[in-house]
Amino acid sequence: MVREEAAWKQGYQMIAGLDEAGRGPLAGPVVAAAFVIKPDFKYVGLNDSKQMTELQRKKCFEFLKSGAWEYGVGIVEPIEIDEINIYQASRQAMRKALLALPKAPDCLLVDALIVPETEIYQESIIHGDALSIAIAAASVVAKCVRDRLMEEYEITYPGYGFAKHKGYGTVAHYQALAELGPSPIHRRSFRLE
């Protein structure tokens, strides 16, 4: 993961990685995170959140939110996803995450997207969560925040299994939809049957 090293050599001082979680589920928000990396950052085992176990992600998340590092989170709810589409919603969540940072970075490393409405230099990196430590950290923050939201939705909307499948289209989720119909957090623009 040398992308940050190249950016530091180019003279950038404050590099933020951005990633999102929740593009594919049938229910719940899309959540993005912006995570600021510094040259002294070290966390053994940090990887793309999809390559980590739930326990590894949770342990890493506790470290990332310890206060030693700056991060911001952006959330776009299902109703807005339905209005603007999931691609645009993901970009808007990233913009919100960027605006939530305490200070504006001077370089953005973004996983496969472009953050809208910013003059900050940015690079869109395909498979960025495997090539950038900042994007990998952002992927863990976004995934853990979204998972916690879905666990809370399990209490608000029982019977759908949100705590287990996190809104993804599993067999159990489709069965619950057939029995209960869509909940207020289901994305109406997604195929729900």
C-alpha atoms as a PDB file:
ATOM      1  CA  MET A   1       0.000   0.000   0.000  1.00  0.00           C
ATOM      2  CA  VAL A   2       2.307   2.671  -1.292  1.00  0.00           C
ATOM      3  CA  ARG A   3      -0.188   5.167  -2.716  1.00  0.00           C
ATOM      4  CA  GLU A   4       0.156   7.439   0.321  1.00  0.00           C
ATOM      5  CA  GLU A   5       3.950   7.381   0.039  1.00  0.00           C
ATOM      6  CA  ALA A   6       3.715   8.637  -3.542  1.00  0.00           C
ATOM      7  CA  ALA A   7       1.349  11.435  -2.460  1.00  0.00           C
ATOM      8  CA  TRP A   8       3.677  12.504   0.372  1.00  0.00           C
ATOM      9  CA  LYS A   9       6.577  12.608  -2.107  1.00  0.00           C
ATOM     10  CA  GLN A  10       4.427  14.894  -4.288  1.00  0.00           C
ATOM     11  CA  GLY A  11       4.211  17.297  -1.335  1.00  0.00           C
ATOM     12  CA  TYR A  12       0.751  16.551   0.034  1.00  0.00           C
ATOM     13  CA  GLN A  13       0.579  16.880   3.813  1.00  0.00           C
ATOM     14  CA  MET A  14      -2.901  15.719   4.802  1.00  0.00           C
ATOM     15  CA  ILE A  15      -4.161  12.700   2.870  1.00  0.00           C
ATOM     16  CA  ALA A  16      -7.671  11.327   3.335  1.00  0.00           C
ATOM     17  CA  GLY A  17      -8.871   7.977   2.068  1.00  0.00           C
ATOM     18  CA  LEU A  18     -12.571   7.624   1.234  1.00  0.00           C
ATOM     19  CA  ASP A  19     -14.714   4.530   0.836  1.00  0.00           C
ATOM     20  CA  GLU A  20     -18.334   3.529   1.257  1.00  0.00           C
ATOM     21  CA  ALA A  21     -20.345   0.585   2.519  1.00  0.00           C
ATOM     22  CA  GLY A  22     -23.837  -0.430   1.541  1.00  0.00           C
ATOM     23  CA  ARG A  23     -24.174   0.052  -2.208  1.00  0.00           C
ATOM     24  CA  GLY A  24     -25.692  -3.373  -2.806  1.00  0.00           C
ATOM     25  CA  PRO A  25     -28.180  -4.026   0.019  1.00  0.00           C
ATOM     26  CA  LEU A  26     -31.945  -3.902  -0.388  1.00  0.00           C
ATOM     27  CA  ALA A  27     -32.352  -1.930   2.832  1.00  0.00           C
ATOM     28  CA  GLY A  28     -30.619   0.670   4.943  1.00  0.00           C
ATOM     29  CA  PRO A  29     -28.417   3.648   4.183  1.00  0.00           C
ATOM     30  CA  VAL A  30     -25.205   3.950   2.235  1.00  0.00           C
ATOM     31  CA  VAL A  31     -22.422   5.027   4.602  1.00  0.00           C
ATOM     32  CA  ALA A  32     -19.112   6.599   3.605  1.00  0.00           C
ATOM     33  CA  ALA A  33     -16.046   7.407   5.661  1.00  0.00           C
ATOM     34  CA  ALA A  34     -13.098   9.726   5.140  1.00  0.00           C
ATOM     35  CA  PHE A  35      -9.994   8.726   7.096  1.00  0.00           C
ATOM     36  CA  VAL A  36      -6.897  10.930   7.392  1.00  0.00           C
ATOM     37  CA  ILE A  37      -3.593   9.092   7.272  1.00  0.00           C
ATOM     38  CA  LYS A  38      -0.266  10.294   8.663  1.00  0.00           C
ATOM     39  CA  PRO A  39       3.214   8.867   8.027  1.00  0.00           C
ATOM     40  CA  ASP A  40       3.383   7.355  11.530  1.00  0.00           C
ATOM     41  CA  PHE A  41       0.136   5.374  11.100  1.00  0.00           C
ATOM     42  CA  LYS A  42       0.570   1.691  11.923  1.00  0.00           C
ATOM     43  CA  TYR A  43      -2.007  -1.043  12.320  1.00  0.00           C
ATOM     44  CA  VAL A  44      -1.005  -4.635  11.591  1.00  0.00           C
ATOM     45  CA  GLY A  45      -3.716  -6.545   9.757  1.00  0.00           C
ATOM     46  CA  LEU A  46      -5.562  -3.566   8.283  1.00  0.00           C
ATOM     47  CA  ASN A  47      -7.032  -4.565   4.941  1.00  0.00           C
ATOM     48  CA  ASP A  48     -10.066  -4.038   2.758  1.00  0.00           C
ATOM     49  CA  SER A  49     -12.955  -4.492   5.208  1.00  0.00           C
ATOM     50  CA  LYS A  50     -14.413  -7.283   3.021  1.00  0.00           C
ATOM     51  CA  GLN A  51     -11.205  -9.282   3.533  1.00  0.00           C
ATOM     52  CA  MET A  52     -11.380  -9.046   7.330  1.00  0.00           C
ATOM     53  CA  THR A  53     -13.505 -11.072   9.722  1.00  0.00           C
ATOM     54  CA  GLU A  54     -16.159  -9.283  11.751  1.00  0.00           C
ATOM     55  CA  LEU A  55     -13.999  -9.598  14.878  1.00  0.00           C
ATOM     56  CA  GLN A  56     -10.938  -8.198  13.061  1.00  0.00           C
ATOM     57  CA  ARG A  57     -13.010  -5.275  11.752  1.00  0.00           C
ATOM     58  CA  LYS A  58     -14.434  -4.459  15.193  1.00  0.00           C
ATOM     59  CA  LYS A  59     -11.003  -4.552  16.837  1.00  0.00           C
ATOM     60  CA  CYS A  60      -9.561  -2.372  14.079  1.00  0.00           C
ATOM     61  CA  PHE A  61     -12.507   0.054  14.312  1.00  0.00           C
ATOM     62  CA  GLU A  62     -11.876   0.543  18.035  1.00  0.00           C
ATOM     63  CA  PHE A  63      -8.289   1.508  17.204  1.00  0.00           C
ATOM     64  CA  LEU A  64      -9.283   3.791  14.302  1.00  0.00           C
ATOM     65  CA  LYS A  65     -11.803   5.739  16.400  1.00  0.00           C
ATOM     66  CA  SER A  66      -9.477   5.990  19.409  1.00  0.00           C
ATOM     67  CA  GLY A  67      -8.993   9.740  18.939  1.00  0.00           C
ATOM     68  CA  ALA A  68      -5.451   9.537  17.592  1.00  0.00           C
ATOM     69  CA  TRP A  69      -6.757   9.752  14.017  1.00  0.00           C
ATOM     70  CA  GLU A  70      -9.234  12.033  12.282  1.00  0.00           C
ATOM     71  CA  TYR A  71     -12.184  10.662  10.383  1.00  0.00           C
ATOM     72  CA  GLY A  72     -15.582  11.753   9.153  1.00  0.00           C
ATOM     73  CA  VAL A  73     -18.725   9.793   8.331  1.00  0.00           C
ATOM     74  CA  GLY A  74     -21.433  10.569   5.780  1.00  0.00           C
ATOM     75  CA  ILE A  75     -24.816   8.838   5.562  1.00  0.00           C
ATOM     76  CA  VAL A  76     -27.430   8.907   2.806  1.00  0.00           C
ATOM     77  CA  GLU A  77     -30.769   7.376   3.758  1.00  0.00           C
ATOM     78  CA  PRO A  78     -32.863   4.999   1.592  1.00  0.00           C
ATOM     79  CA  ILE A  79     -35.407   7.663   0.615  1.00  0.00           C
ATOM     80  CA  GLU A  80     -32.641   9.768  -0.943  1.00  0.00           C
ATOM     81  CA  ILE A  81     -31.066   6.693  -2.558  1.00  0.00           C
ATOM     82  CA  ASP A  82     -34.415   6.117  -4.276  1.00  0.00           C
ATOM     83  CA  GLU A  83     -34.546   9.745  -5.426  1.00  0.00           C
ATOM     84  CA  ILE A  84     -31.013  10.119  -6.841  1.00  0.00           C
ATOM     85  CA  ASN A  85     -29.849   6.476  -7.411  1.00  0.00           C
ATOM     86  CA  ILE A  86     -27.248   4.493  -5.491  1.00  0.00           C
ATOM     87  CA  TYR A  87     -24.259   5.742  -7.495  1.00  0.00           C
ATOM     88  CA  GLN A  88     -25.051   9.401  -6.801  1.00  0.00           C
ATOM     89  CA  ALA A  89     -25.985   8.559  -3.204  1.00  0.00           C
ATOM     90  CA  SER A  90     -22.566   6.936  -2.687  1.00  0.00           C
ATOM     91  CA  ARG A  91     -20.846  10.062  -4.016  1.00  0.00           C
ATOM     92  CA  GLN A  92     -22.981  12.302  -1.785  1.00  0.00           C
ATOM     93  CA  ALA A  93     -22.186  10.138   1.262  1.00  0.00           C
ATOM     94  CA  MET A  94     -18.475  10.580   0.481  1.00  0.00           C
ATOM     95  CA  ARG A  95     -18.917  14.353   0.198  1.00  0.00           C
ATOM     96  CA  LYS A  96     -20.687  14.391   3.579  1.00  0.00           C
ATOM     97  CA  ALA A  97     -17.859  12.312   5.097  1.00  0.00           C
ATOM     98  CA  LEU A  98     -15.294  14.744   3.700  1.00  0.00           C
ATOM     99  CA  LEU A  99     -17.195  17.734   5.126  1.00  0.00           C
ATOM    100  CA  ALA A 100     -17.382  15.972   8.519  1.00  0.00           C
ATOM    101  CA  LEU A 101     -13.578  15.988   8.898  1.00  0.00           C
ATOM    102  CA  PRO A 102     -12.291  18.501  11.482  1.00  0.00           C
ATOM    103  CA  LYS A 103      -9.892  19.989   8.888  1.00  0.00           C
ATOM    104  CA  ALA A 104      -9.935  19.791   5.104  1.00  0.00           C
ATOM    105  CA  PRO A 105      -7.238  17.504   3.674  1.00  0.00           C
ATOM    106  CA  ASP A 106      -5.169  18.511   0.667  1.00  0.00           C
ATOM    107  CA  CYS A 107      -5.340  15.138  -1.120  1.00  0.00           C
ATOM    108  CA  LEU A 108      -8.120  12.560  -1.478  1.00  0.00           C
ATOM    109  CA  LEU A 109      -7.587   8.914  -2.345  1.00  0.00           C
ATOM    110  CA  VAL A 110     -11.015   7.574  -3.291  1.00  0.00           C
ATOM    111  CA  ASP A 111     -12.110   3.998  -3.867  1.00  0.00           C
ATOM    112  CA  ALA A 112     -13.370   3.902  -7.479  1.00  0.00           C
ATOM    113  CA  LEU A 113     -15.425   7.116  -7.327  1.00  0.00           C
ATOM    114  CA  ILE A 114     -14.992  10.873  -7.579  1.00  0.00           C
ATOM    115  CA  VAL A 115     -16.175  13.048  -4.694  1.00  0.00           C
ATOM    116  CA  PRO A 116     -18.447  15.797  -6.090  1.00  0.00           C
ATOM    117  CA  GLU A 117     -18.317  19.517  -5.368  1.00  0.00           C
ATOM    118  CA  THR A 118     -14.775  19.781  -4.032  1.00  0.00           C
ATOM    119  CA  GLU A 119     -11.667  21.552  -5.290  1.00  0.00           C
ATOM    120  CA  ILE A 120      -9.377  19.237  -3.317  1.00  0.00           C
ATOM    121  CA  TYR A 121      -7.021  17.167  -5.474  1.00  0.00           C
ATOM    122  CA  GLN A 122      -8.337  13.613  -5.707  1.00  0.00           C
ATOM    123  CA  GLU A 123      -7.466  10.297  -7.269  1.00  0.00           C
ATOM    124  CA  SER A 124     -10.023   7.613  -8.024  1.00  0.00           C
ATOM    125  CA  ILE A 125      -8.331   4.258  -7.443  1.00  0.00           C
ATOM    126  CA  ILE A 126      -9.877   0.999  -8.626  1.00  0.00           C
ATOM    127  CA  HIS A 127      -9.581  -1.568  -5.799  1.00  0.00           C
ATOM    128  CA  GLY A 128      -8.289   1.323  -3.700  1.00  0.00           C
ATOM    129  CA  ASP A 129      -9.034  -0.499  -0.448  1.00  0.00           C
ATOM    130  CA  ALA A 130      -6.295  -2.983  -1.425  1.00  0.00           C
ATOM    131  CA  LEU A 131      -3.833  -0.317  -2.643  1.00  0.00           C
ATOM    132  CA  SER A 132      -4.174   2.449  -0.041  1.00  0.00           C
ATOM    133  CA  ILE A 133      -4.003   2.156   3.735  1.00  0.00           C
ATOM    134  CA  ALA A 134      -6.159   5.296   4.086  1.00  0.00           C
ATOM    135  CA  ILE A 135      -8.884   3.832   1.876  1.00  0.00           C
ATOM    136  CA  ALA A 136      -8.655   0.510   3.748  1.00  0.00           C
ATOM    137  CA  ALA A 137      -9.132   2.375   7.045  1.00  0.00           C
ATOM    138  CA  ALA A 138     -12.089   4.284   5.594  1.00  0.00           C
ATOM    139  CA  SER A 139     -13.604   1.000   4.408  1.00  0.00           C
ATOM    140  CA  VAL A 140     -13.456  -0.423   7.947  1.00  0.00           C
ATOM    141  CA  VAL A 141     -15.007   2.705   9.484  1.00  0.00           C
ATOM    142  CA  ALA A 142     -17.810   2.819   6.893  1.00  0.00           C
ATOM    143  CA  LYS A 143     -18.584  -0.890   7.228  1.00  0.00           C
ATOM    144  CA  CYS A 144     -18.602  -0.869  11.044  1.00  0.00           C
ATOM    145  CA  VAL A 145     -20.758   2.253  11.289  1.00  0.00           C
ATOM    146  CA  ARG A 146     -23.239   0.819   8.792  1.00  0.00           C
ATOM    147  CA  ASP A 147     -23.319  -2.586  10.526  1.00  0.00           C
ATOM    148  CA  ARG A 148     -24.150  -0.894  13.845  1.00  0.00           C
ATOM    149  CA  LEU A 149     -26.955   1.072  12.208  1.00  0.00           C
ATOM    150  CA  MET A 150     -28.410  -2.116  10.757  1.00  0.00           C
ATOM    151  CA  GLU A 151     -28.218  -3.796  14.176  1.00  0.00           C
ATOM    152  CA  GLU A 152     -30.224  -0.880  15.592  1.00  0.00           C
ATOM    153  CA  TYR A 153     -32.761  -1.239  12.774  1.00  0.00           C
ATOM    154  CA  GLU A 154     -33.253  -4.862  13.846  1.00  0.00           C
ATOM    155  CA  ILE A 155     -34.775  -3.491  17.074  1.00  0.00           C
ATOM    156  CA  THR A 156     -36.897  -0.870  15.287  1.00  0.00           C
ATOM    157  CA  TYR A 157     -38.068  -3.241  12.538  1.00  0.00           C
ATOM    158  CA  PRO A 158     -37.983  -6.772  13.982  1.00  0.00           C
ATOM    159  CA  GLY A 159     -38.491  -9.821  11.841  1.00  0.00           C
ATOM    160  CA  TYR A 160     -36.351  -8.864   8.843  1.00  0.00           C
ATOM    161  CA  GLY A 161     -33.044 -10.133  10.230  1.00  0.00           C
ATOM    162  CA  PHE A 162     -31.168  -6.855   9.654  1.00  0.00           C
ATOM    163  CA  ALA A 163     -28.643  -7.633  12.413  1.00  0.00           C
ATOM    164  CA  LYS A 164     -27.654 -10.795  10.590  1.00  0.00           C
ATOM    165  CA  HIS A 165     -27.681  -9.943   6.865  1.00  0.00           C
ATOM    166  CA  LYS A 166     -27.262  -6.139   7.201  1.00  0.00           C
ATOM    167  CA  GLY A 167     -29.878  -5.546   4.505  1.00  0.00           C
ATOM    168  CA  TYR A 168     -28.298  -7.671   1.783  1.00  0.00           C
ATOM    169  CA  GLY A 169     -30.485  -9.872  -0.396  1.00  0.00           C
ATOM    170  CA  THR A 170     -30.191 -13.213   1.362  1.00  0.00           C
ATOM    171  CA  VAL A 171     -32.783 -15.978   1.131  1.00  0.00           C
ATOM    172  CA  ALA A 172     -33.929 -15.188   4.690  1.00  0.00           C
ATOM    173  CA  HIS A 173     -34.280 -11.505   3.819  1.00  0.00           C
ATOM    174  CA  TYR A 174     -36.410 -12.249   0.740  1.00  0.00           C
ATOM    175  CA  GLN A 175     -38.565 -14.596   2.838  1.00  0.00           C
ATOM    176  CA  ALA A 176     -39.095 -11.849   5.426  1.00  0.00           C
ATOM    177  CA  LEU A 177     -40.015  -9.405   2.660  1.00  0.00           C
ATOM    178  CA  ALA A 178     -42.571 -11.882   1.283  1.00  0.00           C
ATOM    179  CA  GLU A 179     -44.128 -12.263   4.733  1.00  0.00           C
ATOM    180  CA  LEU A 180     -43.892  -8.685   6.064  1.00  0.00           C
ATOM    181  CA  GLY A 181     -43.617  -6.485   2.980  1.00  0.00           C
ATOM    182  CA  PRO A 182     -41.016  -3.713   2.772  1.00  0.00           C
ATOM    183  CA  SER A 183     -40.098  -1.688   5.850  1.00  0.00           C
ATOM    184  CA  PRO A 184     -39.554   2.085   5.857  1.00  0.00           C
ATOM    185  CA  ILE A 185     -35.803   1.518   5.370  1.00  0.00           C
ATOM    186  CA  HIS A 186     -36.140  -0.642   2.259  1.00  0.00           C
ATOM    187  CA  ARG A 187     -34.987   0.910  -0.998  1.00  0.00           C
ATOM    188  CA  ARG A 188     -38.051   1.053  -3.209  1.00  0.00           C
ATOM    189  CA  SER A 189     -35.920   1.555  -6.332  1.00  0.00           C
ATOM    190  CA  PHE A 190     -34.233  -1.815  -5.732  1.00  0.00           C
ATOM    191  CA  ARG A 191     -35.830  -5.103  -6.756  1.00  0.00           C
ATOM    192  CA  LEU A 192     -37.415  -6.383  -3.553  1.00  0.00           C
ATOM    193  CA  GLU A 193     -38.878  -9.687  -4.715  1.00  0.00           C
END
